[in-house]
Amino acid sequence: PYTLSTVVVSAIPATKNSPAVPEHTTVETLLNMSPEKQSLFESEKEAIHLILTGIGDEIYSTVDACKTAHEIWEVIERLQQGEYLNIQDVKINLFWEFGKFTSHDGEIMESYYTRFYKMMNEMIINNMTVAMMQVNVQFLLQLQPKWSRVLTIV
């Protein structure tokens, strides 16, 4: 990454129209840096701009203190990895919930169906797939015995 530094400005002898300028150091600017450094500086500036235009406010507040595009990118990668881990946790919990799903004593069939339907919707939203046969078996096996007269041919 490019970092601004100081440069030594060579002494300039006096002329008819201007006084002599002694050798001195100054902060490097676009006007006094080499073309190679200008190119690197512009690339860094554009990279930061591209990254910042593609992120939301919640991420911007985290990367605001970063000085280089590389630092910003590393922070975003770390945040995304955390998001990926959270998604994995959600999927694991949903699979666990699916496997342990059962009806509650005294529950009505509509309530049971609604809870099961919501869980299946969460699984679909999280791009999880379960074989339709497995879904049907899980649903039917956990029905309460008193509901058997409500069910007909499946």
N, C-alpha and C. Protein backbone atom coordinates (compact mmCIF):
# COMPACT_ATOMS: atom_id res chain seq x y z
N PRO A 1 0.82 -1.19 0.00
CA PRO A 1 0.00 0.00 0.00
C PRO A 1 0.86 1.25 0.00
N TYR A 2 0.34 2.25 -0.61
CA TYR A 2 1.07 3.51 -0.70
C TYR A 2 0.84 4.31 0.58
N THR A 3 1.92 4.88 1.11
CA THR A 3 1.81 5.79 2.25
C THR A 3 2.53 7.08 1.91
N LEU A 4 1.92 8.18 2.29
CA LEU A 4 2.56 9.48 2.05
C LEU A 4 3.80 9.60 2.92
N SER A 5 4.79 10.26 2.38
CA SER A 5 6.03 10.45 3.13
C SER A 5 6.56 11.85 2.86
N THR A 6 7.76 12.11 3.33
CA THR A 6 8.38 13.41 3.05
C THR A 6 9.39 13.23 1.93
N VAL A 7 9.62 14.29 1.20
CA VAL A 7 10.59 14.27 0.11
C VAL A 7 11.57 15.42 0.31
N VAL A 8 12.77 15.22 -0.20
CA VAL A 8 13.78 16.27 -0.14
C VAL A 8 13.68 17.07 -1.42
N VAL A 9 13.50 18.37 -1.27
CA VAL A 9 13.44 19.26 -2.43
C VAL A 9 14.83 19.86 -2.59
N SER A 10 15.41 19.67 -3.76
CA SER A 10 16.77 20.17 -4.03
C SER A 10 16.80 21.69 -3.99
N ALA A 11 17.97 22.20 -3.70
CA ALA A 11 18.17 23.66 -3.68
C ALA A 11 18.02 24.21 -5.09
N ILE A 12 17.44 25.39 -5.17
CA ILE A 12 17.26 26.06 -6.47
C ILE A 12 18.01 27.39 -6.39
N PRO A 13 18.95 27.59 -7.33
CA PRO A 13 19.70 28.86 -7.29
C PRO A 13 18.80 30.05 -7.64
N ALA A 14 19.22 31.20 -7.21
CA ALA A 14 18.47 32.43 -7.49
C ALA A 14 18.56 32.77 -8.97
N THR A 15 17.50 33.36 -9.46
CA THR A 15 17.47 33.87 -10.84
C THR A 15 17.08 35.33 -10.77
N LYS A 16 16.95 35.95 -11.95
CA LYS A 16 16.54 37.36 -11.98
C LYS A 16 15.15 37.55 -11.37
N ASN A 17 14.27 36.57 -11.62
CA ASN A 17 12.87 36.73 -11.21
C ASN A 17 12.52 36.07 -9.88
N SER A 18 13.41 35.26 -9.32
CA SER A 18 13.06 34.57 -8.06
C SER A 18 14.28 34.41 -7.17
N PRO A 19 14.04 34.39 -5.87
CA PRO A 19 15.17 34.23 -4.93
C PRO A 19 15.60 32.76 -4.88
N ALA A 20 16.74 32.52 -4.28
CA ALA A 20 17.24 31.15 -4.12
C ALA A 20 16.36 30.40 -3.12
N VAL A 21 16.19 29.11 -3.36
CA VAL A 21 15.43 28.26 -2.44
C VAL A 21 16.39 27.21 -1.91
N PRO A 22 16.62 27.19 -0.61
CA PRO A 22 17.57 26.20 -0.06
C PRO A 22 16.95 24.79 -0.08
N GLU A 23 17.82 23.79 0.03
CA GLU A 23 17.33 22.42 0.09
C GLU A 23 16.50 22.25 1.36
N HIS A 24 15.33 21.56 1.23
CA HIS A 24 14.46 21.36 2.39
C HIS A 24 13.59 20.11 2.18
N THR A 25 12.94 19.68 3.26
CA THR A 25 12.02 18.54 3.14
C THR A 25 10.59 19.06 3.21
N THR A 26 9.70 18.36 2.54
CA THR A 26 8.29 18.73 2.53
C THR A 26 7.46 17.45 2.44
N VAL A 27 6.20 17.57 2.76
CA VAL A 27 5.30 16.43 2.65
C VAL A 27 5.06 16.13 1.18
N GLU A 28 5.07 14.86 0.85
CA GLU A 28 4.86 14.44 -0.54
C GLU A 28 3.40 14.71 -0.92
N THR A 29 3.21 15.31 -2.08
CA THR A 29 1.87 15.57 -2.62
C THR A 29 1.81 15.05 -4.04
N LEU A 30 0.63 15.08 -4.62
CA LEU A 30 0.50 14.64 -6.02
C LEU A 30 1.37 15.47 -6.96
N LEU A 31 1.63 16.72 -6.60
CA LEU A 31 2.42 17.59 -7.47
C LEU A 31 3.91 17.26 -7.46
N ASN A 32 4.42 16.72 -6.34
CA ASN A 32 5.86 16.49 -6.28
C ASN A 32 6.25 15.01 -6.18
N MET A 33 5.32 14.09 -6.39
CA MET A 33 5.69 12.67 -6.33
C MET A 33 5.99 12.12 -7.72
N SER A 34 6.71 11.04 -7.75
CA SER A 34 7.09 10.43 -9.02
C SER A 34 5.86 9.83 -9.70
N PRO A 35 5.91 9.66 -11.03
CA PRO A 35 4.77 9.07 -11.75
C PRO A 35 4.41 7.67 -11.24
N GLU A 36 5.41 6.88 -10.84
CA GLU A 36 5.13 5.54 -10.32
C GLU A 36 4.33 5.63 -9.02
N LYS A 37 4.75 6.55 -8.14
CA LYS A 37 4.04 6.71 -6.87
C LYS A 37 2.65 7.30 -7.10
N GLN A 38 2.53 8.20 -8.08
CA GLN A 38 1.22 8.76 -8.40
C GLN A 38 0.27 7.65 -8.84
N SER A 39 0.77 6.75 -9.67
CA SER A 39 -0.04 5.63 -10.16
C SER A 39 -0.48 4.74 -9.00
N LEU A 40 0.44 4.43 -8.09
CA LEU A 40 0.13 3.60 -6.93
C LEU A 40 -0.89 4.30 -6.02
N PHE A 41 -0.71 5.60 -5.82
CA PHE A 41 -1.62 6.38 -4.99
C PHE A 41 -3.02 6.38 -5.59
N GLU A 42 -3.12 6.62 -6.89
CA GLU A 42 -4.42 6.65 -7.57
C GLU A 42 -5.09 5.28 -7.52
N SER A 43 -4.31 4.22 -7.69
CA SER A 43 -4.87 2.86 -7.62
C SER A 43 -5.44 2.58 -6.24
N GLU A 44 -4.71 2.96 -5.22
CA GLU A 44 -5.16 2.77 -3.83
C GLU A 44 -6.45 3.54 -3.58
N LYS A 45 -6.47 4.79 -4.06
CA LYS A 45 -7.64 5.64 -3.87
C LYS A 45 -8.86 5.04 -4.57
N GLU A 46 -8.68 4.55 -5.78
CA GLU A 46 -9.79 3.96 -6.53
C GLU A 46 -10.26 2.66 -5.88
N ALA A 47 -9.32 1.85 -5.40
CA ALA A 47 -9.69 0.60 -4.73
C ALA A 47 -10.54 0.88 -3.49
N ILE A 48 -10.13 1.86 -2.71
CA ILE A 48 -10.90 2.23 -1.51
C ILE A 48 -12.29 2.71 -1.92
N HIS A 49 -12.36 3.54 -2.94
CA HIS A 49 -13.65 4.05 -3.42
C HIS A 49 -14.56 2.90 -3.85
N LEU A 50 -14.03 1.96 -4.63
CA LEU A 50 -14.84 0.83 -5.10
C LEU A 50 -15.35 -0.03 -3.94
N ILE A 51 -14.50 -0.27 -2.98
CA ILE A 51 -14.92 -1.08 -1.82
C ILE A 51 -16.00 -0.35 -1.03
N LEU A 52 -15.79 0.93 -0.76
CA LEU A 52 -16.74 1.68 0.06
C LEU A 52 -18.09 1.85 -0.61
N THR A 53 -18.12 1.92 -1.94
CA THR A 53 -19.42 2.06 -2.61
C THR A 53 -20.20 0.75 -2.60
N GLY A 54 -19.53 -0.36 -2.34
CA GLY A 54 -20.21 -1.65 -2.37
C GLY A 54 -20.59 -2.21 -1.02
N ILE A 55 -20.40 -1.45 0.05
CA ILE A 55 -20.73 -1.97 1.38
C ILE A 55 -21.83 -1.14 2.01
N GLY A 56 -22.49 -1.73 2.98
CA GLY A 56 -23.57 -1.04 3.69
C GLY A 56 -23.04 -0.23 4.86
N ASP A 57 -23.94 0.54 5.45
CA ASP A 57 -23.58 1.41 6.58
C ASP A 57 -23.05 0.62 7.78
N GLU A 58 -23.63 -0.56 8.02
CA GLU A 58 -23.20 -1.34 9.19
C GLU A 58 -21.76 -1.80 9.05
N ILE A 59 -21.30 -2.06 7.83
CA ILE A 59 -19.91 -2.45 7.61
C ILE A 59 -19.03 -1.21 7.56
N TYR A 60 -19.52 -0.13 6.96
CA TYR A 60 -18.74 1.10 6.85
C TYR A 60 -18.28 1.59 8.22
N SER A 61 -19.17 1.52 9.20
CA SER A 61 -18.79 2.00 10.53
C SER A 61 -17.64 1.18 11.12
N THR A 62 -17.49 -0.06 10.66
CA THR A 62 -16.40 -0.91 11.15
C THR A 62 -15.09 -0.62 10.43
N VAL A 63 -15.15 -0.31 9.13
CA VAL A 63 -13.93 -0.11 8.34
C VAL A 63 -13.52 1.36 8.23
N ASP A 64 -14.28 2.24 8.84
CA ASP A 64 -14.03 3.68 8.72
C ASP A 64 -12.62 4.07 9.14
N ALA A 65 -12.06 3.42 10.12
CA ALA A 65 -10.73 3.78 10.62
C ALA A 65 -9.59 3.18 9.81
N CYS A 66 -9.88 2.30 8.87
CA CYS A 66 -8.83 1.66 8.07
C CYS A 66 -8.18 2.67 7.14
N LYS A 67 -6.87 2.54 6.96
CA LYS A 67 -6.12 3.49 6.14
C LYS A 67 -5.93 3.03 4.69
N THR A 68 -5.90 1.73 4.45
CA THR A 68 -5.62 1.23 3.10
C THR A 68 -6.74 0.30 2.64
N ALA A 69 -6.79 0.10 1.33
CA ALA A 69 -7.78 -0.81 0.75
C ALA A 69 -7.56 -2.22 1.28
N HIS A 70 -6.31 -2.60 1.47
CA HIS A 70 -5.99 -3.94 1.97
C HIS A 70 -6.55 -4.14 3.38
N GLU A 71 -6.39 -3.15 4.25
CA GLU A 71 -6.94 -3.24 5.61
C GLU A 71 -8.46 -3.37 5.56
N ILE A 72 -9.09 -2.54 4.72
CA ILE A 72 -10.55 -2.58 4.59
C ILE A 72 -10.99 -3.97 4.15
N TRP A 73 -10.30 -4.50 3.13
CA TRP A 73 -10.66 -5.81 2.58
C TRP A 73 -10.53 -6.90 3.64
N GLU A 74 -9.47 -6.85 4.45
CA GLU A 74 -9.28 -7.86 5.49
C GLU A 74 -10.40 -7.80 6.53
N VAL A 75 -10.82 -6.59 6.91
CA VAL A 75 -11.90 -6.45 7.88
C VAL A 75 -13.20 -7.00 7.31
N ILE A 76 -13.48 -6.67 6.05
CA ILE A 76 -14.70 -7.17 5.42
C ILE A 76 -14.68 -8.69 5.32
N GLU A 77 -13.53 -9.26 4.95
CA GLU A 77 -13.42 -10.73 4.89
C GLU A 77 -13.70 -11.34 6.26
N ARG A 78 -13.16 -10.75 7.30
CA ARG A 78 -13.37 -11.26 8.65
C ARG A 78 -14.85 -11.18 9.02
N LEU A 79 -15.50 -10.07 8.67
CA LEU A 79 -16.93 -9.92 8.96
C LEU A 79 -17.74 -10.94 8.18
N GLN A 80 -17.39 -11.15 6.92
CA GLN A 80 -18.12 -12.11 6.09
C GLN A 80 -17.93 -13.53 6.60
N GLN A 81 -16.73 -13.83 7.07
CA GLN A 81 -16.49 -15.17 7.61
C GLN A 81 -17.37 -15.38 8.84
N GLY A 82 -17.49 -14.36 9.66
CA GLY A 82 -18.38 -14.46 10.82
C GLY A 82 -19.82 -14.66 10.40
N GLU A 83 -20.23 -13.98 9.33
CA GLU A 83 -21.59 -14.14 8.82
C GLU A 83 -21.80 -15.55 8.31
N TYR A 84 -20.77 -16.10 7.63
CA TYR A 84 -20.86 -17.46 7.12
C TYR A 84 -21.01 -18.44 8.28
N LEU A 85 -20.24 -18.22 9.35
CA LEU A 85 -20.34 -19.10 10.51
C LEU A 85 -21.72 -19.00 11.15
N ASN A 86 -22.29 -17.79 11.19
CA ASN A 86 -23.63 -17.64 11.73
C ASN A 86 -24.65 -18.38 10.89
N ILE A 87 -24.50 -18.33 9.57
CA ILE A 87 -25.41 -19.05 8.68
C ILE A 87 -25.28 -20.55 8.92
N GLN A 88 -24.05 -21.02 9.09
CA GLN A 88 -23.84 -22.44 9.36
C GLN A 88 -24.51 -22.83 10.67
N ASP A 89 -24.40 -21.99 11.70
CA ASP A 89 -25.06 -22.27 12.98
C ASP A 89 -26.57 -22.35 12.81
N VAL A 90 -27.14 -21.44 12.02
CA VAL A 90 -28.58 -21.45 11.77
C VAL A 90 -28.98 -22.76 11.11
N LYS A 91 -28.21 -23.18 10.10
CA LYS A 91 -28.54 -24.42 9.40
C LYS A 91 -28.44 -25.63 10.32
N ILE A 92 -27.40 -25.68 11.13
CA ILE A 92 -27.25 -26.80 12.08
C ILE A 92 -28.43 -26.83 13.05
N ASN A 93 -28.80 -25.67 13.56
CA ASN A 93 -29.93 -25.61 14.50
C ASN A 93 -31.23 -26.02 13.84
N LEU A 94 -31.43 -25.62 12.58
CA LEU A 94 -32.66 -26.01 11.88
C LEU A 94 -32.70 -27.51 11.63
N PHE A 95 -31.58 -28.11 11.23
CA PHE A 95 -31.55 -29.56 11.04
C PHE A 95 -31.83 -30.28 12.36
N TRP A 96 -31.25 -29.77 13.44
CA TRP A 96 -31.49 -30.36 14.75
C TRP A 96 -32.96 -30.24 15.12
N GLU A 97 -33.54 -29.05 14.90
CA GLU A 97 -34.95 -28.82 15.20
C GLU A 97 -35.83 -29.74 14.35
N PHE A 98 -35.48 -29.92 13.08
CA PHE A 98 -36.24 -30.81 12.20
C PHE A 98 -36.22 -32.24 12.74
N GLY A 99 -35.04 -32.71 13.13
CA GLY A 99 -34.91 -34.08 13.62
C GLY A 99 -35.64 -34.31 14.94
N LYS A 100 -35.73 -33.29 15.77
CA LYS A 100 -36.35 -33.43 17.09
C LYS A 100 -37.80 -32.93 17.12
N PHE A 101 -38.32 -32.51 15.96
CA PHE A 101 -39.66 -31.92 15.93
C PHE A 101 -40.70 -32.93 16.39
N THR A 102 -41.58 -32.49 17.28
CA THR A 102 -42.65 -33.37 17.78
C THR A 102 -43.84 -32.51 18.18
N SER A 103 -44.98 -33.16 18.32
CA SER A 103 -46.18 -32.44 18.77
C SER A 103 -46.14 -32.34 20.29
N HIS A 104 -46.80 -31.33 20.81
CA HIS A 104 -46.86 -31.12 22.26
C HIS A 104 -48.18 -31.68 22.79
N ASP A 105 -48.17 -32.17 24.02
CA ASP A 105 -49.41 -32.66 24.64
C ASP A 105 -50.44 -31.55 24.67
N GLY A 106 -51.66 -31.88 24.26
CA GLY A 106 -52.75 -30.91 24.28
C GLY A 106 -52.75 -29.94 23.11
N GLU A 107 -51.78 -30.07 22.22
CA GLU A 107 -51.69 -29.16 21.07
C GLU A 107 -52.75 -29.53 20.04
N ILE A 108 -53.30 -28.53 19.38
CA ILE A 108 -54.25 -28.82 18.30
C ILE A 108 -53.48 -29.02 17.00
N MET A 109 -54.09 -29.74 16.08
CA MET A 109 -53.41 -30.10 14.84
C MET A 109 -52.99 -28.86 14.04
N GLU A 110 -53.82 -27.83 14.03
CA GLU A 110 -53.49 -26.61 13.28
C GLU A 110 -52.21 -25.96 13.82
N SER A 111 -52.07 -25.96 15.12
CA SER A 111 -50.87 -25.39 15.74
C SER A 111 -49.64 -26.21 15.36
N TYR A 112 -49.77 -27.53 15.41
CA TYR A 112 -48.68 -28.43 15.04
C TYR A 112 -48.27 -28.18 13.58
N TYR A 113 -49.27 -28.12 12.71
CA TYR A 113 -48.99 -27.89 11.29
C TYR A 113 -48.32 -26.53 11.09
N THR A 114 -48.78 -25.49 11.77
CA THR A 114 -48.22 -24.15 11.62
C THR A 114 -46.76 -24.11 12.06
N ARG A 115 -46.45 -24.74 13.19
CA ARG A 115 -45.06 -24.78 13.66
C ARG A 115 -44.17 -25.52 12.67
N PHE A 116 -44.67 -26.64 12.15
CA PHE A 116 -43.90 -27.43 11.19
C PHE A 116 -43.69 -26.63 9.90
N TYR A 117 -44.74 -25.98 9.43
CA TYR A 117 -44.69 -25.18 8.21
C TYR A 117 -43.69 -24.03 8.35
N LYS A 118 -43.69 -23.35 9.50
CA LYS A 118 -42.75 -22.25 9.73
C LYS A 118 -41.31 -22.75 9.73
N MET A 119 -41.09 -23.91 10.36
CA MET A 119 -39.74 -24.48 10.38
C MET A 119 -39.29 -24.83 8.96
N MET A 120 -40.18 -25.42 8.17
CA MET A 120 -39.83 -25.77 6.79
C MET A 120 -39.55 -24.51 5.96
N ASN A 121 -40.32 -23.45 6.18
CA ASN A 121 -40.06 -22.19 5.48
C ASN A 121 -38.69 -21.63 5.82
N GLU A 122 -38.31 -21.69 7.10
CA GLU A 122 -36.97 -21.24 7.51
C GLU A 122 -35.89 -22.05 6.80
N MET A 123 -36.11 -23.34 6.67
CA MET A 123 -35.14 -24.19 5.99
C MET A 123 -35.03 -23.80 4.51
N ILE A 124 -36.15 -23.52 3.88
CA ILE A 124 -36.15 -23.12 2.47
C ILE A 124 -35.44 -21.77 2.31
N ILE A 125 -35.73 -20.83 3.20
CA ILE A 125 -35.10 -19.51 3.15
C ILE A 125 -33.58 -19.63 3.25
N ASN A 126 -33.11 -20.61 4.02
CA ASN A 126 -31.67 -20.81 4.22
C ASN A 126 -31.07 -21.82 3.24
N ASN A 127 -31.78 -22.05 2.13
CA ASN A 127 -31.31 -22.94 1.05
C ASN A 127 -30.97 -24.34 1.54
N MET A 128 -31.77 -24.85 2.43
CA MET A 128 -31.56 -26.21 2.93
C MET A 128 -32.56 -27.12 2.23
N THR A 129 -32.10 -28.29 1.86
CA THR A 129 -33.00 -29.23 1.19
C THR A 129 -33.12 -30.51 2.00
N VAL A 130 -34.34 -30.97 2.11
CA VAL A 130 -34.64 -32.24 2.76
C VAL A 130 -35.56 -32.97 1.80
N ALA A 131 -35.34 -34.26 1.63
CA ALA A 131 -36.17 -35.05 0.71
C ALA A 131 -37.63 -34.96 1.14
N MET A 132 -38.52 -34.83 0.16
CA MET A 132 -39.95 -34.69 0.44
C MET A 132 -40.46 -35.88 1.25
N MET A 133 -39.96 -37.06 0.95
CA MET A 133 -40.37 -38.26 1.69
C MET A 133 -39.99 -38.11 3.17
N GLN A 134 -38.80 -37.60 3.43
CA GLN A 134 -38.34 -37.41 4.81
C GLN A 134 -39.21 -36.38 5.53
N VAL A 135 -39.60 -35.31 4.82
CA VAL A 135 -40.46 -34.28 5.41
C VAL A 135 -41.80 -34.90 5.78
N ASN A 136 -42.39 -35.65 4.85
CA ASN A 136 -43.70 -36.27 5.10
C ASN A 136 -43.64 -37.26 6.26
N VAL A 137 -42.61 -38.10 6.28
CA VAL A 137 -42.46 -39.09 7.34
C VAL A 137 -42.30 -38.39 8.69
N GLN A 138 -41.46 -37.36 8.74
CA GLN A 138 -41.24 -36.63 10.00
C GLN A 138 -42.54 -36.03 10.50
N PHE A 139 -43.30 -35.45 9.60
CA PHE A 139 -44.57 -34.83 9.98
C PHE A 139 -45.55 -35.88 10.51
N LEU A 140 -45.69 -36.98 9.80
CA LEU A 140 -46.67 -38.00 10.17
C LEU A 140 -46.29 -38.78 11.43
N LEU A 141 -45.01 -39.07 11.59
CA LEU A 141 -44.60 -39.86 12.75
C LEU A 141 -44.82 -39.14 14.07
N GLN A 142 -44.83 -37.83 14.06
CA GLN A 142 -44.94 -37.07 15.30
C GLN A 142 -46.37 -36.62 15.62
N LEU A 143 -47.33 -37.07 14.82
CA LEU A 143 -48.72 -36.73 15.11
C LEU A 143 -49.18 -37.45 16.38
N GLN A 144 -50.07 -36.83 17.11
CA GLN A 144 -50.61 -37.46 18.31
C GLN A 144 -51.61 -38.55 17.91
N PRO A 145 -51.67 -39.65 18.67
CA PRO A 145 -52.58 -40.76 18.32
C PRO A 145 -54.04 -40.32 18.22
N LYS A 146 -54.46 -39.37 19.03
CA LYS A 146 -55.87 -38.94 18.99
C LYS A 146 -56.24 -38.26 17.67
N TRP A 147 -55.22 -37.85 16.89
CA TRP A 147 -55.50 -37.20 15.61
C TRP A 147 -55.72 -38.22 14.50
N SER A 148 -55.57 -39.50 14.78
CA SER A 148 -55.64 -40.52 13.73
C SER A 148 -57.00 -40.54 13.04
N ARG A 149 -58.06 -40.22 13.76
CA ARG A 149 -59.38 -40.23 13.12
C ARG A 149 -59.53 -39.05 12.16
N VAL A 150 -58.72 -38.00 12.31
CA VAL A 150 -58.78 -36.83 11.42
C VAL A 150 -58.10 -37.14 10.10
N LEU A 151 -57.05 -37.96 10.14
CA LEU A 151 -56.28 -38.28 8.94
C LEU A 151 -56.97 -39.38 8.16
N THR A 152 -56.94 -39.22 6.86
CA THR A 152 -57.46 -40.27 5.99
C THR A 152 -56.30 -40.83 5.21
N ILE A 153 -56.48 -41.14 3.98
CA ILE A 153 -55.42 -41.71 3.15
C ILE A 153 -54.37 -40.64 2.85
N VAL A 154 -53.13 -41.02 3.04
CA VAL A 154 -52.01 -40.11 2.75
C VAL A 154 -51.32 -40.59 1.50
